[in-house]
Structures are given as structure tokens and as C-alpha cells.
Amino acid sequence: MPFSLGQFAQDKDIDGAIAEALGSLDAQSFSFRIEARGARWEPLQALRPEGPPLHPSDFEVVTVHDPALDRMRLSWRRSIIEPLSGNVVYDEIVVGNEGYITDPDVALGPQPAHAMKSDRLAAVRRQQYLLHPQLLVGDALRRQQNTGQQVIRSVGRQELDGAPHEVVEIDASPRPIRLLVALDSNQVSRLVTQENDFPCGDVEIVVAFSHWRRHGGLAFPYEVELSWEGEVIHRETRRRIELNPRLDPDAFVLPATHPFDPEVAERGLFNEQWVHRATGMSAPIILDAGEVVLVRLSPDVVSIGGGIHHSLAIILDSGVVVVDPPQHEARSLAVIKAVTARWPDKPITHLILTHHHHDHSGGIRAYAAIGAELIMAEGDRDFITKCLSRPHTIRPDTLAAAGIRSTIQTVGDEGLSLGDGEIQIYRISSPHCAENLVVYVRSVKLLFNADLFNPGLVPPGVAPPPHWLTYSRDFRRRIEALDLDIELLVGAHGVPEGGPYQELIDFTE
């Protein structure tokens, strides 16, 4: 297929070689089937922010792609390791701008088969384009042919691991995608781009390709690693690749669909790895604000539920203290709005972060933007400071717009009190996270924690994941050492109203 690298090409001989190499990735006229196995890692679920990353799951996947008809089917068998455990088996089907998930794809709060929303669809398609350069290049060439616009071009040369590479840039959203093509082998070694991460802002995504082989008219890498900010989070080894396989027409049937929403799709596109990181953990996470439900625990204490993550609001004379900013900014903004509506004469003065894990810290910048003082464990200071100062240009948030300098207070072994001792904050360690803050509200004899014990999360008669039992037994031992008079335990997951302290005793016996 004719291909031009554009005005930036430096050498006509290399021009032709690179064009030939990219032509070998043009899958517009082919379908293909890949069997692979691999693993996921999660850097922001580690014991400490600096790692090493958690290994939450392994997987086997069969991907079938039919680019000519813009359809794909991904058949997953995921083995969940930590902190959840078990297996999930499901398919993701994408046809154009519609999609379907055939079975529960997560272990925590599983849903039956359901239509795929536009954000999930966009995230699935983007990850497949990043992992399969054949889809990426074929789509770029198709767009170039259809629009007459230069979509793919050479932008110079770069050394990688001591070897010269031609850098080919492809127009893409949210940022251009660059392919580094080795001049000695004419094979793609790296893919580099950026996307948004809620606490960390603009993050670099790098995909490394190796062990290339040709199948008919297409070249395929058999080893693929996707890195997030320098940490490998997805690795797969292709065991079998079949070009132009026999396609079962029923494989791409969508039993139900959602109307395509471009704005929702853009959210999934911009935050693509946020979606896949949650799926790799086998725990759902939504990209919209979700429902905000205020559950009154006392006149001055409200649990904030509405999803699988909860916050807590505590009223003092000076204002409102909120515990935990889970998920992302949209959720935090919705919680801030609900709290402000409930107590319009009380400013939110403090945000207490229980721990650094990304599903609990994702919305912290929204509280910094309203001037709340941020309270965290000593070991989380460097990570949160970086999150507050990192560029957020792909998806500018309220802190990026406000330009406010945040106030941080850390909690060490001596603990911290607010409101003349009404709120007592303690730092404890755990096998789940090296530094956690637990919050005790004296007037209600209430203790709030995240992840260590969640009343109501494990249904009666259901065996908990082994790691949860380990976390909860360690948690019980550590809070018994604090010698607090606890009547009510509230978790960041489970039921928002919490449960009696006796539940922890029964769970850990």
C-alpha cells in the first residue's frame, strides 16, 4: 500500500524501509486471532507508594479482531490473586460504537451479562490499539485515505537501547502516539503516548514489543509489555496467532447495547488505564460521580455512600471534616456538593486520607482546590505532594484551575486530634498498606477505616478471601492496642451504616 512519511523524512532509503515496515502492520484487509497469557501489576496498590507494585491477577485471553468490519471479541479467563481471590471468565464484544460483556468481569460486586457503556468501550478499543500496532497503523492509514489529511508522519530519529530508531507519529486522542521503528530490523520496538490519571495527572504509557514474526502479510510481536510511568503493569506472551481465521458470525452478536455517548466515550479514552487497572484488580470502578447517599449516624456524623466506596463527614464547630476522597475528582466534587448542601454554613476544613491506594486517593485534588487542609500518614506525604504538583493538562481539574497551594499535615506515631479531641486520628500499619489512618469519633464511639475491615461487605455464610481475613485479624490486634471504646465500625466499603464492633470479633475468630 502506498505510504508517505511526510516532510520530516531524512533519508529516502530509510523512508522506503520504514514505509514497508509499517505496511506490514496494516491490518485493514486481514482478520486475526491471538491466544495469549500474561499478568497485571498495580503500582498504586503497593504497601508503600514507591513500590514494588502489587500483582493482583494473571490472565489468559483470546482476542479476535476483524478490522474491516470494526469488530473485536476478547475472551478472558482471569485468575485473581490479591487482595481478592478467585476466577472470572467473560468476553468483551465490541462492534463499531456498541459493546457487550457476556458475564461478570469482576469478583467484587459482580454484575451479570450487560451492555457495555461508552467509556468502557472506548477504553477497551484504545488498549487493543496500543497492544496491537496492526490495529493502530491500519486505522491511521484508513483515516489518512478517507480524509486526505496527514495522520501518520516521521518526526525524526532517536536512539533506544543504543540502536537508532525512526520515530513515527500518529494523530490520536488524548495525545499523539509515537512508534519507534528500529533501523536495523525495521520492527517497532516501542510505542509511547500519554493519558490522564486522576491523582497523577499526565502519565506516560509505553508499550514494548519484541520477538516479531510474520504471518502471511502481517507482522506480529509475541512479547508485549505495557508500562505506566515506568512501571510494567501489563505483560503478555502470545502463544498462537492465526491470520484470517474462520469467524463464527454469532461471535459478534450483541444481545443488548447502550446508545453511544461521545462525551462518556472521551472519558474512557482519556482515562483508559484507570479502567483496565480496576478490571485487573477484579474490582469495578466507574468514571462518573455515581449516586451520593448520606446516611445519618448521629446529628454530627454522616456516612457518604452510593457506590462501593464510602466517605465520612464529621461536623465540628469550625467546619466539616471529610474522611477519604475515593475514586476520582467527579466523585469528590459530588460529595463536596452534597456536604455543602447539607451544612451550607460549614466549610469543609479538612480532608483525611486513609491511605495512598489509587481508589482511595483519586479525588484528593478536589479538596485541595477548595482550600481544605489535607491530613495523611507521614509515609504518604511525598506521594501526595507529587500528585498535587504534577501537570494535569490532558484533563485539567479544579486544582489546576484554582492554582491553590495546599496545606498538608501528617500523622505519625503520636496521632493527631481535631475539635478538642472529638476526632482522634491514628496511624497503623497493615499487610494491606504500610501506613493507614484510622479515624475515631469520640461522641459516637465510631471508628472508620478503609479496606482493613468492611462491615457488610462479605455476605453471611460466604468465605472471605484469605487476604481479607489476614488484614482484619491484624487490624483487630492493632486497634485493641489503642484501647478505644468502640461501638460502631464503619468501613470505606461494605454497608455505609457500618456495623457493631462485635462483627469484627466474629469475623476474625
Protein backbone atom coordinates (compact mmCIF):
# COMPACT_ATOMS: atom_id res chain seq x y z
CA MET A 1 0.00 0.00 0.00
CA PRO A 2 1.45 3.46 -0.84
CA PHE A 3 2.70 5.22 2.25
CA SER A 4 4.44 8.55 2.80
CA LEU A 5 6.30 9.61 5.92
CA GLY A 6 5.80 13.24 5.05
CA GLN A 7 8.02 16.27 5.03
CA PHE A 8 10.14 15.27 8.04
CA ALA A 9 11.70 12.20 6.40
CA GLN A 10 15.52 12.45 6.38
CA ASP A 11 16.66 9.59 4.12
CA LYS A 12 14.81 8.21 1.12
CA ASP A 13 16.23 4.68 1.56
CA ILE A 14 15.15 4.60 5.19
CA ASP A 15 11.88 6.23 4.14
CA GLY A 16 11.07 3.26 1.96
CA ALA A 17 12.17 0.71 4.54
CA ILE A 18 10.08 2.28 7.27
CA ALA A 19 7.12 2.55 4.93
CA GLU A 20 7.48 -1.16 4.15
CA ALA A 21 7.71 -1.97 7.86
CA LEU A 22 4.56 -0.03 8.63
CA GLY A 23 2.83 -1.55 5.60
CA SER A 24 3.44 -4.95 7.21
CA LEU A 25 1.30 -3.71 10.13
CA ASP A 26 -1.67 -2.60 8.04
CA ALA A 27 -4.46 -4.95 9.12
CA GLN A 28 -7.24 -3.32 7.11
CA SER A 29 -7.50 -6.33 4.79
CA PHE A 30 -6.97 -9.05 7.41
CA SER A 31 -8.59 -10.57 10.44
CA PHE A 32 -6.57 -12.34 13.11
CA ARG A 33 -6.87 -14.42 16.25
CA ILE A 34 -4.32 -14.36 19.11
CA GLU A 35 -4.04 -16.65 22.12
CA ALA A 36 -2.02 -15.12 24.94
CA ARG A 37 -1.36 -15.36 28.64
CA GLY A 38 0.00 -12.74 30.99
CA ALA A 39 -0.16 -10.79 34.21
CA ARG A 40 -1.24 -7.44 35.63
CA TRP A 41 0.51 -5.32 38.25
CA GLU A 42 -0.71 -2.27 40.14
CA PRO A 43 1.85 0.26 41.43
CA LEU A 44 -0.65 2.31 43.44
CA GLN A 45 -1.86 -0.69 45.45
CA ALA A 46 1.60 -1.42 46.83
CA LEU A 47 2.49 -1.46 50.52
CA ARG A 48 4.11 1.94 50.00
CA PRO A 49 3.77 4.48 47.16
CA GLU A 50 7.29 3.74 45.97
CA GLY A 51 6.50 0.06 45.38
CA PRO A 52 7.19 -2.68 44.44
CA PRO A 53 3.80 -2.96 42.70
CA LEU A 54 1.07 -5.39 43.73
CA HIS A 55 0.45 -8.41 41.48
CA PRO A 56 -3.37 -8.64 41.55
CA SER A 57 -4.08 -11.07 38.71
CA ASP A 58 -2.91 -13.36 35.93
CA PHE A 59 -4.89 -13.94 32.76
CA GLU A 60 -5.39 -15.95 29.62
CA VAL A 61 -7.04 -14.17 26.72
CA VAL A 62 -8.11 -15.00 23.18
CA THR A 63 -8.52 -11.91 21.01
CA VAL A 64 -10.28 -11.98 17.65
CA HIS A 65 -10.04 -8.85 15.51
CA ASP A 66 -11.85 -8.08 12.27
CA PRO A 67 -10.76 -4.52 11.42
CA ALA A 68 -12.59 -4.39 8.10
CA LEU A 69 -15.91 -4.57 9.95
CA ASP A 70 -14.61 -2.75 13.06
CA ARG A 71 -15.34 -5.58 15.44
CA MET A 72 -13.42 -7.47 18.12
CA ARG A 73 -14.06 -10.13 20.72
CA LEU A 74 -11.83 -10.63 23.77
CA SER A 75 -12.33 -13.84 25.76
CA TRP A 76 -10.83 -13.51 29.23
CA ARG A 77 -10.05 -16.04 31.91
CA ARG A 78 -8.64 -14.06 34.83
CA SER A 79 -7.14 -15.59 37.97
CA ILE A 80 -7.45 -13.17 40.89
CA ILE A 81 -4.57 -13.30 43.36
CA GLU A 82 -4.64 -10.35 45.80
CA PRO A 83 -6.40 -8.70 47.60
CA LEU A 84 -9.38 -10.54 46.11
CA SER A 85 -9.18 -14.16 45.05
CA GLY A 86 -10.99 -16.45 42.63
CA ASN A 87 -11.56 -16.60 38.88
CA VAL A 88 -13.66 -14.60 36.44
CA VAL A 89 -14.45 -15.73 32.90
CA TYR A 90 -16.08 -13.30 30.48
CA ASP A 91 -15.99 -11.91 26.94
CA GLU A 92 -15.88 -8.30 25.78
CA ILE A 93 -17.51 -7.79 22.37
CA VAL A 94 -17.10 -4.51 20.50
CA VAL A 95 -18.78 -3.80 17.16
CA GLY A 96 -18.41 -0.24 15.99
CA ASN A 97 -19.63 2.01 18.79
CA GLU A 98 -21.55 -0.69 20.63
CA GLY A 99 -20.37 -3.36 23.03
CA TYR A 100 -21.38 -6.13 25.40
CA ILE A 101 -19.88 -8.00 28.37
CA THR A 102 -21.05 -11.60 28.46
CA ASP A 103 -20.52 -12.50 32.14
CA PRO A 104 -19.41 -10.93 35.43
CA ASP A 105 -16.00 -9.40 34.76
CA VAL A 106 -15.11 -8.61 38.39
CA ALA A 107 -15.18 -10.55 41.65
CA LEU A 108 -16.24 -7.64 43.88
CA GLY A 109 -19.87 -6.69 43.30
CA PRO A 110 -20.19 -8.69 40.06
CA GLN A 111 -22.86 -7.81 37.51
CA PRO A 112 -24.49 -10.33 35.20
CA ALA A 113 -24.08 -10.01 31.44
CA HIS A 114 -24.72 -6.42 30.36
CA ALA A 115 -24.34 -3.87 27.61
CA MET A 116 -21.05 -2.01 27.57
CA LYS A 117 -21.15 1.71 28.31
CA SER A 118 -19.36 4.12 26.01
CA ASP A 119 -16.47 4.81 28.42
CA ARG A 120 -15.67 1.13 28.83
CA LEU A 121 -15.97 0.61 25.07
CA ALA A 122 -13.52 3.43 24.33
CA ALA A 123 -11.07 2.11 26.93
CA VAL A 124 -11.24 -1.43 25.54
CA ARG A 125 -10.66 -0.25 21.99
CA ARG A 126 -7.77 2.03 22.96
CA GLN A 127 -5.93 -0.68 24.91
CA GLN A 128 -6.30 -3.08 21.99
CA TYR A 129 -4.86 -0.44 19.64
CA LEU A 130 -1.91 0.08 21.99
CA LEU A 131 -1.21 -3.64 22.33
CA HIS A 132 -1.70 -4.40 18.62
CA PRO A 133 0.14 -1.97 16.29
CA GLN A 134 -1.61 -3.67 13.37
CA LEU A 135 -4.88 -2.08 14.52
CA LEU A 136 -3.27 1.26 15.22
CA VAL A 137 -1.43 1.59 11.91
CA GLY A 138 -4.33 0.20 9.88
CA ASP A 139 -6.71 2.71 11.46
CA ALA A 140 -4.26 5.59 10.88
CA LEU A 141 -3.86 4.69 7.21
CA ARG A 142 -7.62 4.36 6.78
CA ARG A 143 -8.15 7.80 8.31
CA GLN A 144 -5.42 9.25 6.13
CA GLN A 145 -7.01 7.79 2.99
CA ASN A 146 -10.53 8.88 3.93
CA THR A 147 -9.70 12.43 4.96
CA GLY A 148 -6.72 13.28 2.76
CA GLN A 149 -5.08 14.63 5.91
CA GLN A 150 -1.58 13.61 7.07
CA VAL A 151 -2.37 11.35 10.06
CA ILE A 152 0.92 9.47 10.23
CA ARG A 153 4.35 11.05 9.73
CA SER A 154 8.04 10.77 10.55
CA VAL A 155 9.28 13.25 13.17
CA GLY A 156 12.97 12.34 13.26
CA ARG A 157 15.27 9.79 14.82
CA GLN A 158 16.00 8.64 18.34
CA GLU A 159 18.38 6.19 19.95
CA LEU A 160 16.80 3.43 22.03
CA ASP A 161 19.00 0.98 23.93
CA GLY A 162 21.94 2.18 21.84
CA ALA A 163 20.23 1.50 18.50
CA PRO A 164 18.95 4.15 16.05
CA HIS A 165 15.19 4.31 15.53
CA GLU A 166 12.91 6.27 13.24
CA VAL A 167 10.13 7.98 15.20
CA VAL A 168 6.73 7.80 13.52
CA GLU A 169 3.93 9.88 15.00
CA ILE A 170 0.23 9.09 14.64
CA ASP A 171 -2.50 11.63 15.36
CA ALA A 172 -4.54 10.35 18.29
CA SER A 173 -6.54 11.47 21.30
CA PRO A 174 -5.81 12.43 24.01
CA ARG A 175 -2.20 12.74 22.82
CA PRO A 176 -0.32 11.66 19.68
CA ILE A 177 1.09 8.12 19.66
CA ARG A 178 4.71 7.60 18.66
CA LEU A 179 6.13 4.39 17.25
CA LEU A 180 9.89 3.81 17.44
CA VAL A 181 10.96 1.69 14.47
CA ALA A 182 14.44 0.10 14.64
CA LEU A 183 16.50 0.95 11.55
CA ASP A 184 18.41 -2.34 11.65
CA SER A 185 15.36 -4.63 11.77
CA ASN A 186 12.50 -2.37 10.58
CA GLN A 187 10.49 -3.61 13.57
CA VAL A 188 8.56 -1.49 16.06
CA SER A 189 10.37 -1.56 19.39
CA ARG A 190 8.30 0.91 21.40
CA LEU A 191 5.03 2.80 21.44
CA VAL A 192 4.89 5.99 23.54
CA THR A 193 1.94 8.19 24.40
CA GLN A 194 0.21 9.90 27.34
CA GLU A 195 -3.16 9.77 29.04
CA ASN A 196 -4.83 11.06 32.19
CA ASP A 197 -4.63 9.61 35.68
CA PHE A 198 -6.82 11.15 38.37
CA PRO A 199 -4.29 11.66 41.18
CA CYS A 200 -1.15 11.69 39.00
CA GLY A 201 -2.32 13.79 36.05
CA ASP A 202 -0.44 13.45 32.76
CA VAL A 203 1.14 9.98 32.76
CA GLU A 204 3.32 8.29 30.17
CA ILE A 205 2.22 4.99 28.65
CA VAL A 206 4.93 2.93 26.96
CA VAL A 207 4.42 -0.39 25.19
CA ALA A 208 7.48 -2.54 24.40
CA PHE A 209 7.28 -5.07 21.54
CA SER A 210 9.69 -7.92 20.86
CA HIS A 211 10.02 -11.37 19.25
CA TRP A 212 8.37 -10.37 15.98
CA ARG A 213 7.24 -12.97 13.46
CA ARG A 214 5.48 -12.71 10.11
CA HIS A 215 2.20 -14.44 9.40
CA GLY A 216 1.33 -14.06 5.75
CA GLY A 217 1.14 -10.35 5.04
CA LEU A 218 1.23 -9.19 8.69
CA ALA A 219 3.98 -8.98 11.32
CA PHE A 220 3.18 -9.67 14.99
CA PRO A 221 5.14 -9.25 18.23
CA TYR A 222 4.95 -12.27 20.52
CA GLU A 223 6.08 -10.43 23.67
CA VAL A 224 4.31 -7.24 24.79
CA GLU A 225 4.76 -5.12 27.92
CA LEU A 226 2.73 -2.04 28.78
CA SER A 227 4.23 0.36 31.33
CA TRP A 228 2.58 3.17 33.28
CA GLU A 229 5.02 5.87 34.42
CA GLY A 230 7.92 3.44 34.05
CA GLU A 231 6.23 0.55 35.90
CA VAL A 232 5.21 -2.56 33.95
CA ILE A 233 1.51 -3.11 34.62
CA HIS A 234 0.56 -5.46 31.75
CA ARG A 235 2.68 -8.21 30.27
CA GLU A 236 1.51 -10.82 27.79
CA THR A 237 3.08 -13.60 25.77
CA ARG A 238 1.34 -14.63 22.56
CA ARG A 239 1.29 -18.42 22.22
CA ARG A 240 -0.59 -18.80 18.94
CA ILE A 241 -1.50 -16.37 16.15
CA GLU A 242 -3.79 -17.21 13.26
CA LEU A 243 -4.29 -14.95 10.26
CA ASN A 244 -7.71 -14.81 8.59
CA PRO A 245 -9.29 -17.44 10.87
CA ARG A 246 -12.76 -18.75 10.28
CA LEU A 247 -15.05 -16.26 12.05
CA ASP A 248 -18.20 -17.51 13.72
CA PRO A 249 -20.92 -14.98 12.75
CA ASP A 250 -22.52 -15.44 16.17
CA ALA A 251 -19.29 -14.36 17.90
CA PHE A 252 -20.07 -10.69 17.31
CA VAL A 253 -23.78 -10.69 18.18
CA LEU A 254 -24.67 -8.04 20.79
CA PRO A 255 -27.67 -9.17 22.89
CA ALA A 256 -28.11 -5.64 24.26
CA THR A 257 -26.49 -2.25 23.68
CA HIS A 258 -26.25 1.25 25.12
CA PRO A 259 -26.60 4.33 22.89
CA PHE A 260 -23.17 5.69 22.07
CA ASP A 261 -22.32 8.84 24.04
CA PRO A 262 -19.29 10.74 22.68
CA GLU A 263 -18.68 12.63 25.94
CA VAL A 264 -18.76 9.44 28.00
CA ALA A 265 -16.54 7.72 25.43
CA GLU A 266 -13.98 10.52 25.67
CA ARG A 267 -13.83 9.98 29.43
CA GLY A 268 -12.93 6.34 28.88
CA LEU A 269 -10.44 7.20 26.15
CA PHE A 270 -8.62 9.79 28.27
CA ASN A 271 -8.53 7.55 31.38
CA GLU A 272 -8.09 4.21 29.63
CA GLN A 273 -5.67 2.53 32.03
CA TRP A 274 -7.74 3.62 35.03
CA VAL A 275 -10.46 1.32 33.67
CA HIS A 276 -8.11 -1.60 32.97
CA ARG A 277 -6.28 -1.23 36.28
CA ALA A 278 -9.58 -1.64 38.11
CA THR A 279 -10.51 -4.64 35.96
CA GLY A 280 -7.08 -6.15 36.61
CA MET A 281 -7.84 -5.83 40.33
CA SER A 282 -11.24 -7.50 39.67
CA ALA A 283 -12.94 -4.56 41.37
CA PRO A 284 -15.31 -2.24 39.50
CA ILE A 285 -14.73 1.48 39.24
CA ILE A 286 -16.97 3.91 37.43
CA LEU A 287 -15.82 7.13 35.79
CA ASP A 288 -18.88 9.22 36.61
CA ALA A 289 -19.76 10.65 40.01
CA GLY A 290 -22.27 7.96 40.88
CA GLU A 291 -25.06 8.38 43.37
CA VAL A 292 -24.31 10.22 46.63
CA VAL A 293 -26.28 8.86 49.60
CA LEU A 294 -25.97 10.49 53.02
CA VAL A 295 -26.55 8.03 55.87
CA ARG A 296 -27.07 9.74 59.23
CA LEU A 297 -25.12 8.03 62.02
CA SER A 298 -25.62 10.86 64.52
CA PRO A 299 -26.62 14.54 64.27
CA ASP A 300 -22.98 15.40 63.53
CA VAL A 301 -21.71 12.33 61.69
CA VAL A 302 -22.81 11.19 58.24
CA SER A 303 -21.57 8.26 56.17
CA ILE A 304 -21.47 9.03 52.46
CA GLY A 305 -22.29 6.05 50.26
CA GLY A 306 -23.87 5.39 46.92
CA GLY A 307 -21.23 3.13 45.38
CA ILE A 308 -18.71 0.59 46.62
CA HIS A 309 -16.51 3.36 48.11
CA HIS A 310 -17.65 5.42 51.10
CA SER A 311 -16.54 8.62 52.78
CA LEU A 312 -17.39 10.06 56.20
CA ALA A 313 -18.36 13.62 57.18
CA ILE A 314 -17.90 14.83 60.78
CA ILE A 315 -19.26 18.19 61.90
CA LEU A 316 -17.21 20.36 64.25
CA ASP A 317 -17.84 23.92 65.42
CA SER A 318 -15.22 25.15 62.97
CA GLY A 319 -16.49 23.23 59.94
CA VAL A 320 -16.75 19.80 58.32
CA VAL A 321 -14.04 17.15 58.30
CA VAL A 322 -14.32 14.63 55.43
CA VAL A 323 -12.60 11.25 55.56
CA ASP A 324 -11.37 9.74 52.27
CA PRO A 325 -11.65 11.11 48.69
CA PRO A 326 -12.21 7.86 46.75
CA GLN A 327 -12.15 7.15 43.02
CA HIS A 328 -11.65 10.50 41.25
CA GLU A 329 -12.48 14.17 41.06
CA ALA A 330 -16.04 13.72 39.75
CA ARG A 331 -16.90 11.68 42.83
CA SER A 332 -15.22 14.14 45.20
CA LEU A 333 -16.98 17.12 43.61
CA ALA A 334 -20.32 15.35 44.04
CA VAL A 335 -19.55 14.59 47.69
CA ILE A 336 -18.41 18.18 48.32
CA LYS A 337 -21.64 19.47 46.75
CA ALA A 338 -23.78 17.15 48.91
CA VAL A 339 -21.94 18.04 52.12
CA THR A 340 -22.14 21.76 51.35
CA ALA A 341 -25.87 21.48 50.66
CA ARG A 342 -26.41 19.63 53.95
CA TRP A 343 -24.39 22.14 56.00
CA PRO A 344 -24.32 25.38 53.97
CA ASP A 345 -22.90 27.40 56.86
CA LYS A 346 -20.00 25.00 57.49
CA PRO A 347 -16.91 25.00 55.26
CA ILE A 348 -15.03 21.77 54.62
CA THR A 349 -11.89 22.49 56.60
CA HIS A 350 -10.05 19.14 56.46
CA LEU A 351 -9.74 16.06 54.31
CA ILE A 352 -8.31 12.96 55.98
CA LEU A 353 -6.73 10.44 53.58
CA THR A 354 -6.76 6.91 54.97
CA HIS A 355 -4.02 5.62 52.63
CA HIS A 356 -2.39 6.20 49.27
CA HIS A 357 -4.06 3.46 47.18
CA HIS A 358 -5.39 4.98 43.98
CA ASP A 359 -9.04 4.06 44.50
CA HIS A 360 -8.97 5.99 47.81
CA SER A 361 -6.71 8.92 46.88
CA GLY A 362 -8.05 9.64 43.38
CA GLY A 363 -10.20 12.62 44.38
CA ILE A 364 -7.84 14.38 46.78
CA ARG A 365 -7.03 17.25 44.42
CA ALA A 366 -10.66 18.41 44.53
CA TYR A 367 -10.36 19.02 48.28
CA ALA A 368 -7.05 20.82 47.82
CA ALA A 369 -8.81 23.06 45.28
CA ILE A 370 -11.35 24.27 47.90
CA GLY A 371 -8.58 25.02 50.41
CA ALA A 372 -9.18 22.09 52.77
CA GLU A 373 -6.18 21.06 54.86
CA LEU A 374 -5.02 17.60 53.82
CA ILE A 375 -4.20 15.13 56.58
CA MET A 376 -2.30 11.94 55.75
CA ALA A 377 0.16 9.43 57.16
CA GLU A 378 3.78 10.59 57.24
CA GLY A 379 4.76 7.99 54.65
CA ASP A 380 2.23 9.33 52.12
CA ARG A 381 3.43 12.94 52.16
CA ASP A 382 5.90 12.67 49.26
CA PHE A 383 3.42 10.83 47.05
CA ILE A 384 0.56 13.26 47.69
CA THR A 385 2.86 16.27 47.31
CA LYS A 386 3.84 14.98 43.88
CA CYS A 387 0.20 14.40 42.95
CA LEU A 388 -0.64 17.97 43.91
CA SER A 389 2.21 19.43 41.84
CA ARG A 390 2.15 17.19 38.76
CA PRO A 391 0.81 18.67 35.50
CA HIS A 392 -2.83 17.92 34.72
CA THR A 393 -3.05 19.28 31.17
CA ILE A 394 -4.75 16.37 29.41
CA ARG A 395 -7.81 16.67 31.62
CA PRO A 396 -7.41 19.88 33.68
CA ASP A 397 -9.15 19.56 37.03
CA THR A 398 -10.33 22.07 39.63
CA LEU A 399 -6.93 22.30 41.34
CA ALA A 400 -5.23 23.03 38.02
CA ALA A 401 -7.71 25.87 37.53
CA ALA A 402 -7.55 27.17 41.12
CA GLY A 403 -3.78 27.30 41.44
CA ILE A 404 -4.04 26.98 45.22
CA ARG A 405 -1.06 25.95 47.35
CA SER A 406 -2.22 23.06 49.53
CA THR A 407 -1.70 22.76 53.28
CA ILE A 408 -0.60 19.32 54.44
CA GLN A 409 -0.45 17.89 57.94
CA THR A 410 0.94 14.41 58.59
CA VAL A 411 0.18 11.87 61.29
CA GLY A 412 2.94 9.90 62.96
CA ASP A 413 3.12 7.51 65.87
CA GLU A 414 1.83 10.15 68.29
CA GLY A 415 -1.50 10.51 66.44
CA LEU A 416 -3.47 13.70 65.86
CA SER A 417 -6.62 15.24 67.36
CA LEU A 418 -9.14 17.68 65.90
CA GLY A 419 -12.01 19.53 67.54
CA ASP A 420 -10.69 19.38 71.11
CA GLY A 421 -10.29 15.62 70.87
CA GLU A 422 -13.65 14.86 69.24
CA ILE A 423 -11.78 13.38 66.28
CA GLN A 424 -8.75 11.23 67.02
CA ILE A 425 -6.57 10.05 64.13
CA TYR A 426 -4.17 7.15 64.48
CA ARG A 427 -1.54 5.75 62.13
CA ILE A 428 -1.30 1.97 61.98
CA SER A 429 0.49 -0.46 59.70
CA SER A 430 -1.09 -3.38 57.87
CA PRO A 431 -0.23 -6.21 55.47
CA HIS A 432 -2.54 -4.35 53.07
CA CYS A 433 -0.77 -0.99 53.24
CA ALA A 434 2.24 0.01 55.31
CA GLU A 435 0.62 3.22 56.54
CA ASN A 436 -3.07 3.64 57.24
CA LEU A 437 -5.02 6.26 59.14
CA VAL A 438 -8.00 5.18 61.21
CA VAL A 439 -10.39 7.84 62.50
CA TYR A 440 -12.15 7.66 65.87
CA VAL A 441 -15.15 9.90 66.61
CA ARG A 442 -15.40 10.10 70.38
CA SER A 443 -19.03 11.21 70.80
CA VAL A 444 -20.34 8.34 68.68
CA LYS A 445 -17.71 5.77 69.72
CA LEU A 446 -17.20 5.20 65.98
CA LEU A 447 -14.06 4.01 64.19
CA PHE A 448 -13.67 4.50 60.42
CA ASN A 449 -11.16 2.50 58.39
CA ALA A 450 -10.52 1.70 54.75
CA ASP A 451 -10.05 -1.87 53.47
CA LEU A 452 -8.97 -3.48 56.75
CA PHE A 453 -12.48 -4.45 57.83
CA ASN A 454 -15.63 -3.51 55.95
CA PRO A 455 -18.88 -4.37 57.77
CA GLY A 456 -21.45 -5.88 55.44
CA LEU A 457 -19.09 -6.47 52.52
CA VAL A 458 -18.88 -10.24 52.92
CA PRO A 459 -22.38 -11.79 52.93
CA PRO A 460 -23.22 -14.15 55.81
CA GLY A 461 -22.12 -17.71 55.11
CA VAL A 462 -19.67 -16.69 52.36
CA ALA A 463 -16.00 -17.43 52.96
CA PRO A 464 -13.93 -14.22 52.73
CA PRO A 465 -10.84 -14.02 50.54
CA PRO A 466 -7.86 -15.23 52.60
CA HIS A 467 -6.09 -11.89 52.37
CA TRP A 468 -9.11 -10.08 53.82
CA LEU A 469 -9.04 -12.32 56.87
CA THR A 470 -5.33 -11.59 57.29
CA TYR A 471 -5.96 -7.84 57.05
CA SER A 472 -8.84 -7.96 59.53
CA ARG A 473 -7.04 -10.06 62.13
CA ASP A 474 -4.06 -7.72 62.03
CA PHE A 475 -6.42 -4.72 62.20
CA ARG A 476 -8.18 -6.09 65.26
CA ARG A 477 -4.87 -6.65 67.03
CA ARG A 478 -3.70 -3.11 66.31
CA ILE A 479 -6.87 -1.30 67.34
CA GLU A 480 -7.11 -3.36 70.52
CA ALA A 481 -3.69 -1.93 71.37
CA LEU A 482 -5.16 1.58 71.01
CA ASP A 483 -7.62 0.76 73.83
CA LEU A 484 -10.52 2.71 72.34
CA ASP A 485 -14.14 2.42 73.40
CA ILE A 486 -15.59 1.36 70.03
CA GLU A 487 -19.25 0.59 69.48
CA LEU A 488 -19.61 1.21 65.73
CA LEU A 489 -17.23 0.29 62.92
CA VAL A 490 -17.63 1.96 59.52
CA GLY A 491 -15.65 0.86 56.50
CA ALA A 492 -14.80 2.57 53.25
CA HIS A 493 -16.56 -0.40 51.59
CA GLY A 494 -19.45 -2.61 52.65
CA VAL A 495 -22.62 -1.02 54.01
CA PRO A 496 -22.37 2.73 54.62
CA GLU A 497 -24.09 2.49 58.00
CA GLY A 498 -21.34 0.23 59.28
CA GLY A 499 -21.88 -2.37 61.98
CA PRO A 500 -21.22 -3.13 65.64
CA TYR A 501 -17.68 -3.80 66.78
CA GLN A 502 -18.75 -7.37 67.52
CA GLU A 503 -18.80 -8.02 63.76
CA LEU A 504 -15.03 -7.67 63.64
CA ILE A 505 -14.65 -10.07 66.54
CA ASP A 506 -16.95 -12.63 64.89
CA PHE A 507 -15.20 -12.23 61.53
CA THR A 508 -11.72 -12.79 62.95
CA GLU A 509 -12.40 -15.60 65.41
